[in-house]
């Protein structure tokens, strides 16, 4: 166990050459401790409780206000035989099997087809629930984005990214940075739990990978004190999350023009931030300017490798956005679809255009 811990907290892995944990504790006024980040985990439980009350007392009344009713799809009539068939194939049987079921149950074929249709719809989440989930995420992303932008606006590294590397790693972790990191880590930790109780979507596994990756990046960048560049990455991605969740809300409320306009804005901001600002402003700094100023070391390679993977994902998801926009122009309408978010790194990535 001691060998594992020694390897896990190796100074040679996490810190630049000739820097030790003792140096950081001595030369940073905030008494830097990696353990300070553990506060995020009880806070994650608090966010889950806060979300419950938010959805009950704010999101649900808002859904009713925009005429979204808390009523699920029509439930299929209980039938053990058809349920067994549905469990094995999850779709309507072929014509031959339908005839066999019709004779076995003495039901009309159309009645059996209707049963399978109702049974499939029965497992789909209703719009009311989806609206409440999106409203919580929209509210959190908006609040945390405003908080982050407020202190970053007056931070020198927001305007000159090279400031992320000057005097590194002896840069103080201010209360603003600390709380920003703790709340982001708490949020993604809570999503790792709530994903198993929320609406099950087709990208369940990708979403889980995204949350794990986001948590990993936040923790790693805090350990090796790359928090300045970390705050820029988080803030950049939050700006798009807000628009994505807002587009979902308009879609669920059937405000089609607002949904279309928000989706267009989301696409434009996504392309600008992910194909422009991120590679030119952030990625080039972490790969080249940091190499010039502080030089590479093991966790530097890890951090940049993860950011490169993120950029590849940005390119893939940008392709999906452009494809959706092209189809929309071809039909003269933005398609009404269920957008979902993965992302591996939020903060950090997006998967959308998954039909209901």
Protein backbone atom coordinates (compact mmCIF):
# COMPACT_ATOMS: atom_id res chain seq x y z
CA UNK A 1 0.00 0.00 0.00
CA UNK A 2 2.81 2.39 0.87
CA UNK A 3 4.41 1.72 -2.52
CA UNK A 4 1.13 2.49 -4.31
CA UNK A 5 0.63 5.74 -2.40
CA UNK A 6 4.23 6.75 -3.04
CA UNK A 7 3.73 6.19 -6.75
CA UNK A 8 0.35 7.94 -6.77
CA UNK A 9 1.71 11.08 -5.08
CA UNK A 10 5.10 11.06 -6.75
CA UNK A 11 6.52 14.56 -6.94
CA UNK A 12 8.37 13.60 -10.09
CA UNK A 13 5.10 12.81 -11.80
CA UNK A 14 2.93 15.72 -10.67
CA UNK A 15 5.40 18.58 -10.32
CA UNK A 16 8.09 20.20 -12.45
CA UNK A 17 11.72 19.30 -11.93
CA UNK A 18 13.20 20.44 -8.60
CA UNK A 19 9.78 21.23 -7.10
CA UNK A 20 8.43 19.35 -4.06
CA UNK A 21 5.18 19.29 -2.14
CA UNK A 22 7.00 20.99 0.73
CA UNK A 23 8.03 23.83 -1.59
CA UNK A 24 4.41 24.44 -2.55
CA UNK A 25 3.20 24.40 1.03
CA UNK A 26 5.95 26.82 2.06
CA UNK A 27 5.78 29.31 -0.81
CA UNK A 28 2.04 29.59 -1.48
CA UNK A 29 0.19 31.74 1.05
CA UNK A 30 -3.04 29.76 0.91
CA UNK A 31 -1.42 26.72 2.57
CA UNK A 32 -2.04 24.57 -0.50
CA UNK A 33 -3.32 21.09 0.26
CA UNK A 34 -4.66 18.59 -2.25
CA UNK A 35 -7.05 17.39 0.46
CA UNK A 36 -8.89 20.72 0.35
CA UNK A 37 -10.63 19.47 -2.78
CA UNK A 38 -12.33 16.69 -0.81
CA UNK A 39 -14.94 19.24 0.30
CA UNK A 40 -16.51 18.76 -3.12
CA UNK A 41 -17.89 15.33 -2.28
CA UNK A 42 -20.18 16.24 0.66
CA UNK A 43 -21.10 19.32 -1.39
CA UNK A 44 -22.16 16.98 -4.21
CA UNK A 45 -24.67 15.40 -1.82
CA UNK A 46 -25.89 18.88 -0.96
CA UNK A 47 -26.39 19.67 -4.65
CA UNK A 48 -28.52 16.56 -5.05
CA UNK A 49 -30.74 17.72 -2.18
CA UNK A 50 -30.87 21.25 -3.60
CA UNK A 51 -31.80 19.87 -7.00
CA UNK A 52 -34.69 17.91 -5.48
CA UNK A 53 -36.20 21.04 -3.93
CA UNK A 54 -35.43 23.12 -7.03
CA UNK A 55 -37.28 20.73 -9.33
CA UNK A 56 -40.20 20.39 -6.93
CA UNK A 57 -40.79 24.05 -6.09
CA UNK A 58 -39.42 25.89 -9.14
CA UNK A 59 -39.03 23.63 -12.17
CA UNK A 60 -42.37 21.81 -11.89
CA UNK A 61 -44.46 25.00 -11.49
CA UNK A 62 -42.54 26.47 -14.44
CA UNK A 63 -43.36 23.41 -16.55
CA UNK A 64 -47.05 23.73 -15.69
CA UNK A 65 -46.89 27.45 -16.49
CA UNK A 66 -45.79 26.69 -20.07
CA UNK A 67 -48.53 24.01 -20.41
CA UNK A 68 -46.34 20.94 -20.00
CA UNK A 69 -48.46 18.38 -18.19
CA UNK A 70 -47.13 15.80 -15.75
CA UNK A 71 -48.69 12.87 -17.59
CA UNK A 72 -46.82 9.96 -19.07
CA UNK A 73 -47.71 7.99 -22.18
CA UNK A 74 -50.62 5.58 -22.18
CA UNK A 75 -49.63 2.38 -20.39
CA UNK A 76 -49.98 -0.98 -22.08
CA UNK A 77 -52.49 -3.49 -20.72
CA UNK A 78 -50.67 -6.00 -18.47
CA UNK A 79 -50.03 -9.25 -20.35
CA UNK A 80 -47.39 -11.76 -19.25
CA UNK A 81 -47.01 -13.39 -22.68
CA UNK A 82 -46.54 -10.17 -24.61
CA UNK A 83 -44.29 -8.78 -21.88
CA UNK A 84 -42.01 -11.79 -22.23
CA UNK A 85 -41.84 -11.28 -26.01
CA UNK A 86 -41.22 -7.55 -25.58
CA UNK A 87 -38.39 -8.18 -23.13
CA UNK A 88 -36.66 -10.45 -25.64
CA UNK A 89 -36.99 -8.28 -28.78
CA UNK A 90 -38.17 -4.79 -27.54
CA UNK A 91 -39.88 -4.18 -30.88
CA UNK A 92 -42.98 -5.30 -32.69
CA UNK A 93 -42.66 -8.95 -33.84
CA UNK A 94 -42.63 -9.89 -37.51
CA UNK A 95 -45.84 -10.90 -39.31
CA UNK A 96 -45.39 -14.62 -38.67
CA UNK A 97 -44.96 -14.19 -34.94
CA UNK A 98 -47.84 -11.74 -34.79
CA UNK A 99 -50.12 -14.37 -36.30
CA UNK A 100 -48.98 -16.89 -33.71
CA UNK A 101 -49.58 -14.46 -30.84
CA UNK A 102 -52.96 -13.54 -32.27
CA UNK A 103 -54.08 -17.17 -32.21
CA UNK A 104 -52.55 -17.79 -28.77
CA UNK A 105 -54.21 -14.76 -27.14
CA UNK A 106 -57.28 -14.57 -29.35
CA UNK A 107 -56.40 -10.95 -30.04
CA UNK A 108 -56.59 -9.05 -33.30
CA UNK A 109 -53.18 -8.43 -34.93
CA UNK A 110 -53.73 -4.68 -34.86
CA UNK A 111 -54.46 -4.86 -31.12
CA UNK A 112 -51.15 -6.64 -30.55
CA UNK A 113 -49.27 -4.07 -32.65
CA UNK A 114 -50.92 -1.29 -30.66
CA UNK A 115 -49.89 -3.03 -27.41
CA UNK A 116 -46.23 -3.09 -28.47
CA UNK A 117 -46.39 0.56 -29.48
CA UNK A 118 -47.83 1.56 -26.09
CA UNK A 119 -45.32 -0.65 -24.30
CA UNK A 120 -42.37 1.02 -26.04
CA UNK A 121 -43.73 4.49 -25.34
CA UNK A 122 -44.32 3.53 -21.72
CA UNK A 123 -40.55 3.39 -21.09
CA UNK A 124 -39.89 6.77 -22.66
CA UNK A 125 -39.49 9.71 -20.26
CA UNK A 126 -42.20 12.32 -20.46
CA UNK A 127 -41.54 15.90 -21.46
CA UNK A 128 -42.41 17.15 -17.97
CA UNK A 129 -39.52 15.23 -16.39
CA UNK A 130 -37.08 16.22 -19.13
CA UNK A 131 -38.04 19.89 -18.73
CA UNK A 132 -37.33 19.77 -14.98
CA UNK A 133 -33.93 18.14 -15.50
CA UNK A 134 -32.89 20.67 -18.15
CA UNK A 135 -34.09 23.61 -16.07
CA UNK A 136 -31.88 22.50 -13.17
CA UNK A 137 -28.84 22.13 -15.43
CA UNK A 138 -29.52 25.44 -17.18
CA UNK A 139 -29.78 27.23 -13.84
CA UNK A 140 -26.60 25.67 -12.46
CA UNK A 141 -24.57 26.33 -15.63
CA UNK A 142 -25.79 29.93 -15.81
CA UNK A 143 -24.95 30.65 -12.17
CA UNK A 144 -21.53 28.98 -12.24
CA UNK A 145 -20.67 30.67 -15.56
CA UNK A 146 -21.53 34.11 -14.20
CA UNK A 147 -19.49 33.40 -11.06
CA UNK A 148 -16.49 32.22 -13.07
CA UNK A 149 -16.64 35.05 -15.58
CA UNK A 150 -16.92 37.62 -12.77
CA UNK A 151 -13.54 36.81 -11.23
CA UNK A 152 -11.84 35.78 -14.48
CA UNK A 153 -12.68 39.14 -16.05
CA UNK A 154 -10.32 40.86 -13.62
CA UNK A 155 -7.69 38.10 -13.75
CA UNK A 156 -4.55 38.79 -15.80
CA UNK A 157 -4.50 35.30 -17.37
CA UNK A 158 -7.97 35.85 -18.87
CA UNK A 159 -6.49 38.51 -21.17
CA UNK A 160 -2.97 37.10 -21.47
CA UNK A 161 -2.93 33.30 -21.30
CA UNK A 162 0.86 33.29 -20.83
CA UNK A 163 0.16 34.50 -17.28
CA UNK A 164 -0.95 30.93 -16.57
CA UNK A 165 2.70 29.87 -16.66
CA UNK A 166 4.61 32.76 -15.09
CA UNK A 167 5.78 31.84 -11.58
CA UNK A 168 4.24 28.39 -12.00
CA UNK A 169 3.65 26.36 -9.84
CA UNK A 170 3.99 28.95 -7.05
CA UNK A 171 0.72 30.65 -7.95
CA UNK A 172 -1.77 31.15 -5.12
CA UNK A 173 -5.09 29.36 -5.33
CA UNK A 174 -7.39 32.22 -4.42
CA UNK A 175 -10.80 31.64 -2.78
CA UNK A 176 -12.51 32.38 -6.11
CA UNK A 177 -10.52 29.68 -7.91
CA UNK A 178 -10.97 27.23 -5.06
CA UNK A 179 -14.77 27.61 -4.87
CA UNK A 180 -15.02 27.50 -8.66
CA UNK A 181 -13.17 24.19 -8.71
CA UNK A 182 -15.02 22.74 -5.73
CA UNK A 183 -18.47 23.52 -7.14
CA UNK A 184 -17.57 22.19 -10.58
CA UNK A 185 -16.18 18.99 -9.08
CA UNK A 186 -19.25 18.64 -6.86
CA UNK A 187 -21.54 19.12 -9.85
CA UNK A 188 -19.91 16.43 -11.96
CA UNK A 189 -19.67 14.09 -8.99
CA UNK A 190 -23.40 14.51 -8.39
CA UNK A 191 -24.08 13.78 -12.07
CA UNK A 192 -22.16 10.51 -11.77
CA UNK A 193 -24.73 9.46 -9.15
CA UNK A 194 -27.90 11.04 -10.55
CA UNK A 195 -27.26 9.55 -14.00
CA UNK A 196 -28.45 6.23 -12.59
CA UNK A 197 -31.73 7.78 -11.34
CA UNK A 198 -32.34 10.29 -14.14
CA UNK A 199 -33.84 9.62 -17.55
CA UNK A 200 -31.96 6.81 -19.26
CA UNK A 201 -30.78 8.03 -22.65
CA UNK A 202 -29.07 6.27 -25.51
CA UNK A 203 -25.74 7.88 -24.68
CA UNK A 204 -25.77 6.62 -21.07
CA UNK A 205 -22.31 5.06 -21.27
CA UNK A 206 -20.76 8.04 -23.07
CA UNK A 207 -22.26 10.39 -20.50
CA UNK A 208 -20.79 8.35 -17.67
CA UNK A 209 -17.37 8.41 -19.35
CA UNK A 210 -17.73 12.16 -19.74
CA UNK A 211 -18.47 12.68 -16.06
CA UNK A 212 -15.55 10.48 -15.03
CA UNK A 213 -13.23 12.35 -17.40
CA UNK A 214 -14.43 15.74 -16.16
CA UNK A 215 -13.85 14.75 -12.53
CA UNK A 216 -10.41 13.36 -13.43
CA UNK A 217 -9.30 16.52 -15.23
CA UNK A 218 -10.51 18.82 -12.48
CA UNK A 219 -8.71 16.80 -9.80
CA UNK A 220 -5.49 16.40 -11.84
CA UNK A 221 -5.25 20.08 -12.74
CA UNK A 222 -5.76 20.98 -9.09
CA UNK A 223 -3.07 18.57 -7.92
CA UNK A 224 -0.42 19.90 -10.30
CA UNK A 225 -1.71 23.47 -9.86
CA UNK A 226 -2.65 24.09 -13.49
CA UNK A 227 -5.75 25.79 -12.12
CA UNK A 228 -5.41 29.01 -14.08
CA UNK A 229 -5.62 27.30 -17.43
CA UNK A 230 -8.21 24.95 -15.89
CA UNK A 231 -10.54 27.85 -15.08
CA UNK A 232 -10.33 29.04 -18.69
CA UNK A 233 -11.19 25.59 -20.03
CA UNK A 234 -14.17 25.25 -17.69
CA UNK A 235 -15.52 28.73 -18.38
CA UNK A 236 -15.19 28.27 -22.14
CA UNK A 237 -17.24 25.09 -22.06
CA UNK A 238 -19.86 26.43 -19.65
CA UNK A 239 -20.73 29.14 -22.15
CA UNK A 240 -22.05 26.50 -24.56
CA UNK A 241 -23.78 24.32 -21.95
CA UNK A 242 -26.09 27.22 -21.09
CA UNK A 243 -27.30 27.55 -24.68
CA UNK A 244 -27.74 23.82 -25.13
CA UNK A 245 -29.95 23.46 -22.06
CA UNK A 246 -31.89 26.61 -22.98
CA UNK A 247 -32.58 25.20 -26.45
CA UNK A 248 -33.91 22.02 -24.80
CA UNK A 249 -36.24 24.05 -22.58
CA UNK A 250 -37.68 25.93 -25.54
CA UNK A 251 -38.03 22.65 -27.42
CA UNK A 252 -39.97 20.98 -24.57
CA UNK A 253 -42.19 24.06 -24.17
CA UNK A 254 -42.85 24.01 -27.95
CA UNK A 255 -41.51 27.53 -28.44
CA UNK A 256 -40.24 26.51 -31.85
CA UNK A 257 -38.92 29.88 -33.04
CA UNK A 258 -37.00 30.45 -29.82
CA UNK A 259 -35.75 26.87 -29.96
CA UNK A 260 -34.54 27.32 -33.54
CA UNK A 261 -32.85 30.65 -32.78
CA UNK A 262 -31.17 29.29 -29.66
CA UNK A 263 -29.97 26.22 -31.50
CA UNK A 264 -28.45 28.39 -34.24
CA UNK A 265 -26.75 30.53 -31.58
CA UNK A 266 -25.55 27.38 -29.83
CA UNK A 267 -24.05 26.08 -33.08
CA UNK A 268 -22.26 29.34 -33.83
CA UNK A 269 -20.86 29.68 -30.29
CA UNK A 270 -19.85 26.01 -30.27
CA UNK A 271 -17.89 26.33 -33.52
CA UNK A 272 -16.23 29.59 -32.45
CA UNK A 273 -15.21 28.32 -29.02
CA UNK A 274 -14.29 24.73 -29.92
CA UNK A 275 -12.65 25.20 -33.33
CA UNK A 276 -11.34 28.71 -32.77
CA UNK A 277 -10.73 29.90 -29.23
CA UNK A 278 -9.92 26.52 -27.67
CA UNK A 279 -7.17 25.38 -30.08
CA UNK A 280 -5.76 28.85 -30.82
CA UNK A 281 -5.97 30.43 -27.40
CA UNK A 282 -5.79 27.56 -24.90
CA UNK A 283 -4.35 24.46 -26.56
CA UNK A 284 -1.49 26.30 -28.21
CA UNK A 285 -0.61 27.85 -24.84
CA UNK A 286 -0.65 24.56 -22.91
CA UNK A 287 1.46 22.85 -25.57
CA UNK A 288 3.92 25.49 -26.74
CA UNK A 289 4.00 28.49 -24.39
CA UNK A 290 4.08 26.29 -21.29
CA UNK A 291 6.87 24.20 -22.88
CA UNK A 292 8.85 27.38 -23.41
CA UNK A 293 8.26 28.80 -19.93
CA UNK A 294 8.14 25.79 -17.58
CA UNK A 295 9.18 22.82 -19.72
CA UNK A 296 7.48 19.41 -19.90
CA UNK A 297 7.18 16.83 -17.11
CA UNK A 298 5.00 13.68 -16.73
CA UNK A 299 1.70 15.24 -15.61
CA UNK A 300 2.23 17.96 -18.24
CA UNK A 301 2.11 15.24 -20.89
CA UNK A 302 -1.01 13.75 -19.30
CA UNK A 303 -2.80 17.10 -19.18
CA UNK A 304 -2.00 17.96 -22.78
CA UNK A 305 -2.92 14.49 -24.01
CA UNK A 306 -6.37 14.81 -22.47
CA UNK A 307 -6.83 18.26 -24.00
CA UNK A 308 -5.83 16.91 -27.41
CA UNK A 309 -8.40 14.14 -27.09
CA UNK A 310 -10.92 16.80 -26.21
CA UNK A 311 -10.06 18.76 -29.33
CA UNK A 312 -10.60 15.66 -31.48
CA UNK A 313 -14.05 15.32 -29.90
CA UNK A 314 -14.72 18.98 -30.61
CA UNK A 315 -14.06 18.37 -34.29
CA UNK A 316 -16.36 15.34 -34.37
CA UNK A 317 -19.21 17.14 -32.62
CA UNK A 318 -18.71 20.20 -34.81
CA UNK A 319 -19.29 17.93 -37.79
CA UNK A 320 -22.60 16.83 -36.25
CA UNK A 321 -23.65 20.45 -35.73
CA UNK A 322 -22.85 21.36 -39.31
CA UNK A 323 -24.73 18.29 -40.55
CA UNK A 324 -27.81 19.23 -38.49
CA UNK A 325 -27.64 22.80 -39.80
CA UNK A 326 -27.35 21.54 -43.38
CA UNK A 327 -30.39 19.29 -42.99
CA UNK A 328 -32.29 22.14 -41.39
CA UNK A 329 -31.57 24.46 -44.31
CA UNK A 330 -32.46 21.74 -46.78
CA UNK A 331 -35.86 21.31 -45.12
CA UNK A 332 -36.25 24.94 -44.20
CA UNK A 333 -36.56 24.08 -40.55
CA UNK A 334 -34.36 23.21 -37.58
CA UNK A 335 -35.23 19.61 -36.66
CA UNK A 336 -37.01 19.17 -33.35
CA UNK A 337 -34.94 16.57 -31.56
CA UNK A 338 -33.85 15.44 -28.12
CA UNK A 339 -30.43 16.97 -27.56
CA UNK A 340 -28.24 15.38 -24.96
CA UNK A 341 -24.88 16.30 -23.62
CA UNK A 342 -21.92 13.98 -23.14
CA UNK A 343 -19.07 15.15 -23.18
CA UNK A 344 -16.05 13.81 -21.71
CA UNK A 345 -14.65 16.82 -20.46
CA UNK A 346 -16.64 19.75 -19.72
CA UNK A 347 -16.25 20.32 -18.86
CA UNK A 348 -16.18 19.10 -21.79
CA UNK A 349 -17.91 17.64 -24.60
CA UNK A 350 -21.24 17.36 -26.27
CA UNK A 351 -23.30 14.66 -27.87
CA UNK A 352 -26.58 15.82 -29.27
CA UNK A 353 -29.07 15.21 -31.98
CA UNK A 354 -30.31 11.97 -30.46
CA UNK A 355 -33.97 11.58 -31.52
CA UNK A 356 -36.64 10.89 -28.93
